[in-house]
Amino acid sequence: MAAAEGAVIACHTKDEFDAQMAKAYEAGKLVIIDFMTSWCHGCQEIAPVYAEYAKKYPAAVFLKVNTEELEEVAKKYNIHSYPTFFFIRNGGTLESFVGADPEKLEDTIKKYYVVGASSCLGVRLRR
């Protein structure tokens, strides 16, 4: 289940998703979630860009959630449009947006990306 830094981690079960989120929370890492579907044209177009950003920003955790597989997770995040990107750190949502916009995606990653985030941010939010 563990993936190397710089890779997109596809979560196929709720247990996998929960484990990745818990691991990122413990490390204080930025989590970027791509909520997508197999039939969404924009989702298919942004996928290689998302993978490129995962390599470019290896201190963040890049998750991919197919909402057809993980309806329960999609419902928890109130996903209704695709692709939807969520930016989460220490259990709290920093930002989210809808759309396959590579520039907006990278700008938002840069806004929250901190190398060594767990040691630099100091205080963690409590669950």
N, C-alpha and C. Protein backbone atom coordinates (compact mmCIF):
# COMPACT_ATOMS: atom_id res chain seq x y z
N MET A 1 0.82 -1.19 0.00
CA MET A 1 0.00 0.00 0.00
C MET A 1 0.86 1.25 0.00
N ALA A 2 1.98 1.24 0.66
CA ALA A 2 2.84 2.42 0.70
C ALA A 2 3.47 2.67 -0.66
N ALA A 3 3.50 3.90 -1.06
CA ALA A 3 4.09 4.26 -2.34
C ALA A 3 5.27 5.19 -2.09
N ALA A 4 6.17 5.22 -3.04
CA ALA A 4 7.33 6.09 -2.93
C ALA A 4 6.89 7.55 -3.09
N GLU A 5 7.68 8.45 -2.50
CA GLU A 5 7.41 9.87 -2.68
C GLU A 5 7.46 10.18 -4.17
N GLY A 6 6.65 11.12 -4.59
CA GLY A 6 6.66 11.51 -5.99
C GLY A 6 5.73 10.70 -6.86
N ALA A 7 4.87 9.88 -6.25
CA ALA A 7 3.93 9.06 -7.02
C ALA A 7 2.50 9.41 -6.62
N VAL A 8 1.59 9.18 -7.55
CA VAL A 8 0.17 9.32 -7.26
C VAL A 8 -0.29 7.98 -6.67
N ILE A 9 -0.96 8.04 -5.55
CA ILE A 9 -1.44 6.84 -4.88
C ILE A 9 -2.93 6.70 -5.16
N ALA A 10 -3.29 5.67 -5.89
CA ALA A 10 -4.69 5.40 -6.19
C ALA A 10 -5.28 4.59 -5.03
N CYS A 11 -6.32 5.10 -4.43
CA CYS A 11 -6.98 4.41 -3.31
C CYS A 11 -8.20 3.69 -3.86
N HIS A 12 -8.23 2.36 -3.67
CA HIS A 12 -9.32 1.55 -4.22
C HIS A 12 -10.30 1.08 -3.15
N THR A 13 -9.93 1.26 -1.87
CA THR A 13 -10.83 0.90 -0.78
C THR A 13 -10.81 2.04 0.24
N LYS A 14 -11.85 2.09 1.06
CA LYS A 14 -11.91 3.09 2.11
C LYS A 14 -10.78 2.87 3.11
N ASP A 15 -10.44 1.62 3.39
CA ASP A 15 -9.34 1.32 4.30
C ASP A 15 -8.02 1.87 3.77
N GLU A 16 -7.77 1.72 2.46
CA GLU A 16 -6.55 2.28 1.86
C GLU A 16 -6.54 3.80 2.00
N PHE A 17 -7.67 4.41 1.68
CA PHE A 17 -7.78 5.87 1.78
C PHE A 17 -7.52 6.33 3.22
N ASP A 18 -8.20 5.70 4.17
CA ASP A 18 -8.04 6.08 5.57
C ASP A 18 -6.60 5.90 6.04
N ALA A 19 -5.95 4.83 5.62
CA ALA A 19 -4.56 4.57 6.01
C ALA A 19 -3.62 5.63 5.45
N GLN A 20 -3.82 6.02 4.20
CA GLN A 20 -2.98 7.07 3.58
C GLN A 20 -3.19 8.41 4.27
N MET A 21 -4.44 8.72 4.59
CA MET A 21 -4.73 9.98 5.28
C MET A 21 -4.11 9.99 6.68
N ALA A 22 -4.20 8.88 7.38
CA ALA A 22 -3.62 8.80 8.73
C ALA A 22 -2.10 8.93 8.69
N LYS A 23 -1.49 8.29 7.72
CA LYS A 23 -0.03 8.35 7.57
C LYS A 23 0.41 9.79 7.28
N ALA A 24 -0.30 10.47 6.40
CA ALA A 24 0.02 11.86 6.05
C ALA A 24 -0.21 12.77 7.25
N TYR A 25 -1.27 12.53 8.00
CA TYR A 25 -1.57 13.32 9.19
C TYR A 25 -0.43 13.20 10.19
N GLU A 26 0.01 11.98 10.44
CA GLU A 26 1.10 11.75 11.40
C GLU A 26 2.39 12.45 10.97
N ALA A 27 2.62 12.53 9.66
CA ALA A 27 3.83 13.16 9.14
C ALA A 27 3.66 14.67 8.94
N GLY A 28 2.44 15.19 9.13
CA GLY A 28 2.18 16.61 8.93
C GLY A 28 2.28 17.04 7.48
N LYS A 29 2.03 16.09 6.56
CA LYS A 29 2.19 16.39 5.13
C LYS A 29 0.92 16.97 4.51
N LEU A 30 1.14 17.77 3.49
CA LEU A 30 0.05 18.26 2.66
C LEU A 30 -0.49 17.08 1.85
N VAL A 31 -1.81 16.93 1.85
CA VAL A 31 -2.46 15.89 1.05
C VAL A 31 -3.27 16.58 -0.03
N ILE A 32 -3.09 16.14 -1.26
CA ILE A 32 -3.87 16.64 -2.38
C ILE A 32 -4.67 15.45 -2.90
N ILE A 33 -5.99 15.58 -2.91
CA ILE A 33 -6.85 14.50 -3.36
C ILE A 33 -7.50 14.90 -4.68
N ASP A 34 -7.35 14.03 -5.66
CA ASP A 34 -8.01 14.19 -6.96
C ASP A 34 -9.22 13.26 -6.95
N PHE A 35 -10.42 13.85 -6.80
CA PHE A 35 -11.66 13.08 -6.89
C PHE A 35 -12.07 13.07 -8.36
N MET A 36 -12.13 11.87 -8.95
CA MET A 36 -12.36 11.75 -10.38
C MET A 36 -13.29 10.58 -10.69
N THR A 37 -13.66 10.47 -11.97
CA THR A 37 -14.43 9.32 -12.46
C THR A 37 -13.80 8.84 -13.76
N SER A 38 -14.12 7.62 -14.12
CA SER A 38 -13.55 7.06 -15.36
C SER A 38 -14.15 7.70 -16.61
N TRP A 39 -15.36 8.25 -16.52
CA TRP A 39 -16.04 8.80 -17.70
C TRP A 39 -15.81 10.30 -17.89
N CYS A 40 -15.10 10.93 -16.97
CA CYS A 40 -14.90 12.38 -17.02
C CYS A 40 -13.72 12.73 -17.94
N HIS A 41 -14.00 13.46 -19.00
CA HIS A 41 -12.96 13.85 -19.97
C HIS A 41 -11.90 14.74 -19.31
N GLY A 42 -12.33 15.72 -18.52
CA GLY A 42 -11.39 16.61 -17.84
C GLY A 42 -10.48 15.84 -16.88
N CYS A 43 -11.05 14.82 -16.24
CA CYS A 43 -10.26 13.98 -15.31
C CYS A 43 -9.14 13.27 -16.06
N GLN A 44 -9.45 12.78 -17.24
CA GLN A 44 -8.45 12.07 -18.04
C GLN A 44 -7.37 13.05 -18.53
N GLU A 45 -7.77 14.26 -18.89
CA GLU A 45 -6.81 15.26 -19.36
C GLU A 45 -5.85 15.72 -18.27
N ILE A 46 -6.34 15.87 -17.04
CA ILE A 46 -5.50 16.39 -15.96
C ILE A 46 -4.64 15.30 -15.33
N ALA A 47 -4.97 14.03 -15.53
CA ALA A 47 -4.25 12.92 -14.88
C ALA A 47 -2.74 12.95 -15.10
N PRO A 48 -2.24 13.12 -16.35
CA PRO A 48 -0.78 13.15 -16.51
C PRO A 48 -0.14 14.39 -15.88
N VAL A 49 -0.86 15.49 -15.84
CA VAL A 49 -0.36 16.71 -15.21
C VAL A 49 -0.27 16.49 -13.69
N TYR A 50 -1.29 15.86 -13.13
CA TYR A 50 -1.32 15.55 -11.70
C TYR A 50 -0.13 14.64 -11.34
N ALA A 51 0.14 13.66 -12.18
CA ALA A 51 1.28 12.76 -11.96
C ALA A 51 2.61 13.52 -12.04
N GLU A 52 2.69 14.46 -12.96
CA GLU A 52 3.89 15.29 -13.10
C GLU A 52 4.11 16.13 -11.84
N TYR A 53 3.03 16.70 -11.30
CA TYR A 53 3.13 17.50 -10.08
C TYR A 53 3.52 16.64 -8.88
N ALA A 54 3.06 15.40 -8.86
CA ALA A 54 3.45 14.49 -7.77
C ALA A 54 4.96 14.30 -7.75
N LYS A 55 5.57 14.23 -8.93
CA LYS A 55 7.03 14.10 -9.02
C LYS A 55 7.72 15.41 -8.66
N LYS A 56 7.13 16.52 -9.07
CA LYS A 56 7.71 17.84 -8.86
C LYS A 56 7.64 18.29 -7.39
N TYR A 57 6.62 17.80 -6.67
CA TYR A 57 6.39 18.20 -5.27
C TYR A 57 6.32 16.95 -4.39
N PRO A 58 7.46 16.25 -4.23
CA PRO A 58 7.45 14.95 -3.54
C PRO A 58 7.18 15.00 -2.04
N ALA A 59 7.23 16.15 -1.41
CA ALA A 59 6.96 16.23 0.03
C ALA A 59 5.46 16.21 0.33
N ALA A 60 4.63 16.30 -0.71
CA ALA A 60 3.18 16.22 -0.54
C ALA A 60 2.72 14.81 -0.88
N VAL A 61 1.52 14.46 -0.41
CA VAL A 61 0.92 13.16 -0.71
C VAL A 61 -0.18 13.41 -1.74
N PHE A 62 -0.06 12.76 -2.88
CA PHE A 62 -1.03 12.91 -3.98
C PHE A 62 -1.89 11.65 -4.04
N LEU A 63 -3.17 11.80 -3.71
CA LEU A 63 -4.10 10.68 -3.75
C LEU A 63 -5.07 10.84 -4.91
N LYS A 64 -5.45 9.71 -5.46
CA LYS A 64 -6.47 9.69 -6.52
C LYS A 64 -7.60 8.81 -6.02
N VAL A 65 -8.83 9.36 -6.05
CA VAL A 65 -10.01 8.64 -5.61
C VAL A 65 -11.02 8.60 -6.74
N ASN A 66 -11.27 7.38 -7.23
CA ASN A 66 -12.32 7.19 -8.23
C ASN A 66 -13.63 7.11 -7.46
N THR A 67 -14.49 8.10 -7.66
CA THR A 67 -15.71 8.19 -6.86
C THR A 67 -16.69 7.07 -7.18
N GLU A 68 -16.51 6.39 -8.32
CA GLU A 68 -17.35 5.24 -8.63
C GLU A 68 -16.99 4.06 -7.72
N GLU A 69 -15.72 3.97 -7.34
CA GLU A 69 -15.25 2.91 -6.43
C GLU A 69 -15.49 3.27 -4.97
N LEU A 70 -15.28 4.53 -4.63
CA LEU A 70 -15.33 4.97 -3.24
C LEU A 70 -16.43 6.00 -3.02
N GLU A 71 -17.66 5.57 -3.25
CA GLU A 71 -18.80 6.46 -3.10
C GLU A 71 -18.90 7.03 -1.68
N GLU A 72 -18.55 6.22 -0.69
CA GLU A 72 -18.63 6.65 0.71
C GLU A 72 -17.68 7.82 0.98
N VAL A 73 -16.48 7.75 0.42
CA VAL A 73 -15.50 8.83 0.60
C VAL A 73 -15.96 10.07 -0.15
N ALA A 74 -16.46 9.89 -1.37
CA ALA A 74 -16.95 11.02 -2.16
C ALA A 74 -18.10 11.72 -1.44
N LYS A 75 -18.96 10.95 -0.82
CA LYS A 75 -20.10 11.52 -0.10
C LYS A 75 -19.60 12.32 1.11
N LYS A 76 -18.60 11.80 1.82
CA LYS A 76 -18.04 12.50 2.99
C LYS A 76 -17.52 13.88 2.60
N TYR A 77 -16.91 13.98 1.40
CA TYR A 77 -16.35 15.25 0.94
C TYR A 77 -17.32 16.05 0.07
N ASN A 78 -18.56 15.54 -0.05
CA ASN A 78 -19.61 16.23 -0.79
C ASN A 78 -19.21 16.51 -2.25
N ILE A 79 -18.71 15.48 -2.91
CA ILE A 79 -18.25 15.60 -4.29
C ILE A 79 -19.43 15.41 -5.25
N HIS A 80 -19.61 16.42 -6.13
CA HIS A 80 -20.69 16.36 -7.12
C HIS A 80 -20.21 16.70 -8.53
N SER A 81 -19.01 17.24 -8.65
CA SER A 81 -18.46 17.63 -9.95
C SER A 81 -17.04 17.09 -10.06
N TYR A 82 -16.57 16.94 -11.30
CA TYR A 82 -15.28 16.28 -11.53
C TYR A 82 -14.44 17.04 -12.55
N PRO A 83 -13.12 17.02 -12.35
CA PRO A 83 -12.43 16.59 -11.14
C PRO A 83 -12.59 17.64 -10.04
N THR A 84 -12.56 17.18 -8.81
CA THR A 84 -12.52 18.07 -7.65
C THR A 84 -11.23 17.78 -6.90
N PHE A 85 -10.51 18.83 -6.55
CA PHE A 85 -9.25 18.70 -5.83
C PHE A 85 -9.42 19.25 -4.42
N PHE A 86 -8.97 18.48 -3.44
CA PHE A 86 -8.96 18.90 -2.04
C PHE A 86 -7.53 19.01 -1.57
N PHE A 87 -7.26 20.02 -0.77
CA PHE A 87 -5.94 20.26 -0.17
C PHE A 87 -6.13 20.20 1.34
N ILE A 88 -5.49 19.21 1.97
CA ILE A 88 -5.71 18.93 3.39
C ILE A 88 -4.36 18.83 4.11
N ARG A 89 -4.30 19.37 5.31
CA ARG A 89 -3.12 19.17 6.15
C ARG A 89 -3.60 19.01 7.59
N ASN A 90 -3.03 18.04 8.28
CA ASN A 90 -3.34 17.79 9.69
C ASN A 90 -4.83 17.65 9.95
N GLY A 91 -5.52 17.00 9.03
CA GLY A 91 -6.94 16.73 9.20
C GLY A 91 -7.87 17.86 8.82
N GLY A 92 -7.32 19.01 8.45
CA GLY A 92 -8.16 20.15 8.10
C GLY A 92 -8.09 20.48 6.63
N THR A 93 -9.24 20.81 6.04
CA THR A 93 -9.28 21.21 4.63
C THR A 93 -8.78 22.64 4.50
N LEU A 94 -7.76 22.82 3.68
CA LEU A 94 -7.20 24.15 3.42
C LEU A 94 -7.96 24.85 2.30
N GLU A 95 -8.30 24.06 1.26
CA GLU A 95 -8.95 24.63 0.08
C GLU A 95 -9.43 23.48 -0.78
N SER A 96 -10.39 23.77 -1.65
CA SER A 96 -10.82 22.81 -2.66
C SER A 96 -11.31 23.59 -3.87
N PHE A 97 -11.26 22.95 -5.03
CA PHE A 97 -11.82 23.57 -6.23
C PHE A 97 -12.18 22.49 -7.24
N VAL A 98 -13.04 22.86 -8.17
CA VAL A 98 -13.49 21.96 -9.23
C VAL A 98 -12.91 22.43 -10.54
N GLY A 99 -12.45 21.48 -11.36
CA GLY A 99 -12.01 21.79 -12.71
C GLY A 99 -10.62 21.29 -13.03
N ALA A 100 -10.43 20.99 -14.30
CA ALA A 100 -9.15 20.48 -14.80
C ALA A 100 -8.29 21.64 -15.28
N ASP A 101 -7.83 22.45 -14.33
CA ASP A 101 -7.05 23.64 -14.62
C ASP A 101 -5.63 23.46 -14.10
N PRO A 102 -4.68 23.07 -14.98
CA PRO A 102 -3.31 22.80 -14.53
C PRO A 102 -2.65 23.96 -13.81
N GLU A 103 -2.88 25.17 -14.28
CA GLU A 103 -2.26 26.35 -13.66
C GLU A 103 -2.81 26.59 -12.26
N LYS A 104 -4.12 26.51 -12.12
CA LYS A 104 -4.74 26.69 -10.80
C LYS A 104 -4.29 25.58 -9.85
N LEU A 105 -4.18 24.36 -10.36
CA LEU A 105 -3.74 23.24 -9.53
C LEU A 105 -2.33 23.49 -9.01
N GLU A 106 -1.43 23.87 -9.89
CA GLU A 106 -0.05 24.11 -9.44
C GLU A 106 0.04 25.32 -8.52
N ASP A 107 -0.69 26.38 -8.82
CA ASP A 107 -0.66 27.57 -7.96
C ASP A 107 -1.15 27.22 -6.55
N THR A 108 -2.18 26.38 -6.46
CA THR A 108 -2.71 26.00 -5.15
C THR A 108 -1.74 25.08 -4.42
N ILE A 109 -1.09 24.18 -5.14
CA ILE A 109 -0.07 23.33 -4.53
C ILE A 109 1.03 24.22 -3.94
N LYS A 110 1.52 25.16 -4.72
CA LYS A 110 2.60 26.05 -4.27
C LYS A 110 2.19 26.85 -3.04
N LYS A 111 0.92 27.23 -2.98
CA LYS A 111 0.40 28.03 -1.87
C LYS A 111 0.55 27.30 -0.53
N TYR A 112 0.40 25.97 -0.55
CA TYR A 112 0.41 25.19 0.69
C TYR A 112 1.61 24.27 0.84
N TYR A 113 2.44 24.17 -0.18
CA TYR A 113 3.56 23.22 -0.19
C TYR A 113 4.70 23.74 0.68
N VAL A 114 5.11 22.92 1.64
CA VAL A 114 6.23 23.24 2.51
C VAL A 114 7.07 21.98 2.63
N VAL A 115 8.33 22.04 2.25
CA VAL A 115 9.21 20.90 2.42
C VAL A 115 9.49 20.74 3.90
N GLY A 116 9.37 19.50 4.40
CA GLY A 116 9.58 19.26 5.82
C GLY A 116 8.49 19.88 6.66
N ALA A 117 7.25 19.82 6.16
CA ALA A 117 6.13 20.51 6.79
C ALA A 117 5.94 20.16 8.26
N SER A 118 6.15 18.91 8.63
CA SER A 118 5.87 18.53 10.01
C SER A 118 6.77 19.25 11.00
N SER A 119 8.00 19.54 10.61
CA SER A 119 8.89 20.22 11.54
C SER A 119 8.77 21.74 11.44
N CYS A 120 8.33 22.25 10.32
CA CYS A 120 8.27 23.70 10.12
C CYS A 120 6.97 24.32 10.65
N LEU A 121 5.89 23.57 10.63
CA LEU A 121 4.60 24.15 11.00
C LEU A 121 4.37 24.18 12.50
N GLY A 122 5.09 23.37 13.22
CA GLY A 122 5.00 23.40 14.67
C GLY A 122 3.74 22.78 15.24
N VAL A 123 2.67 23.51 15.30
CA VAL A 123 1.46 23.05 15.97
C VAL A 123 0.57 22.30 14.98
N ARG A 124 0.08 21.17 15.41
CA ARG A 124 -0.88 20.40 14.60
C ARG A 124 -2.29 20.68 15.10
N LEU A 125 -3.22 20.63 14.17
CA LEU A 125 -4.61 20.75 14.55
C LEU A 125 -5.04 19.45 15.21
N ARG A 126 -5.87 19.54 16.23
CA ARG A 126 -6.38 18.34 16.90
C ARG A 126 -7.63 17.88 16.19
N ARG A 127 -7.81 16.57 16.14
CA ARG A 127 -9.03 16.00 15.52
C ARG A 127 -10.19 16.15 16.45
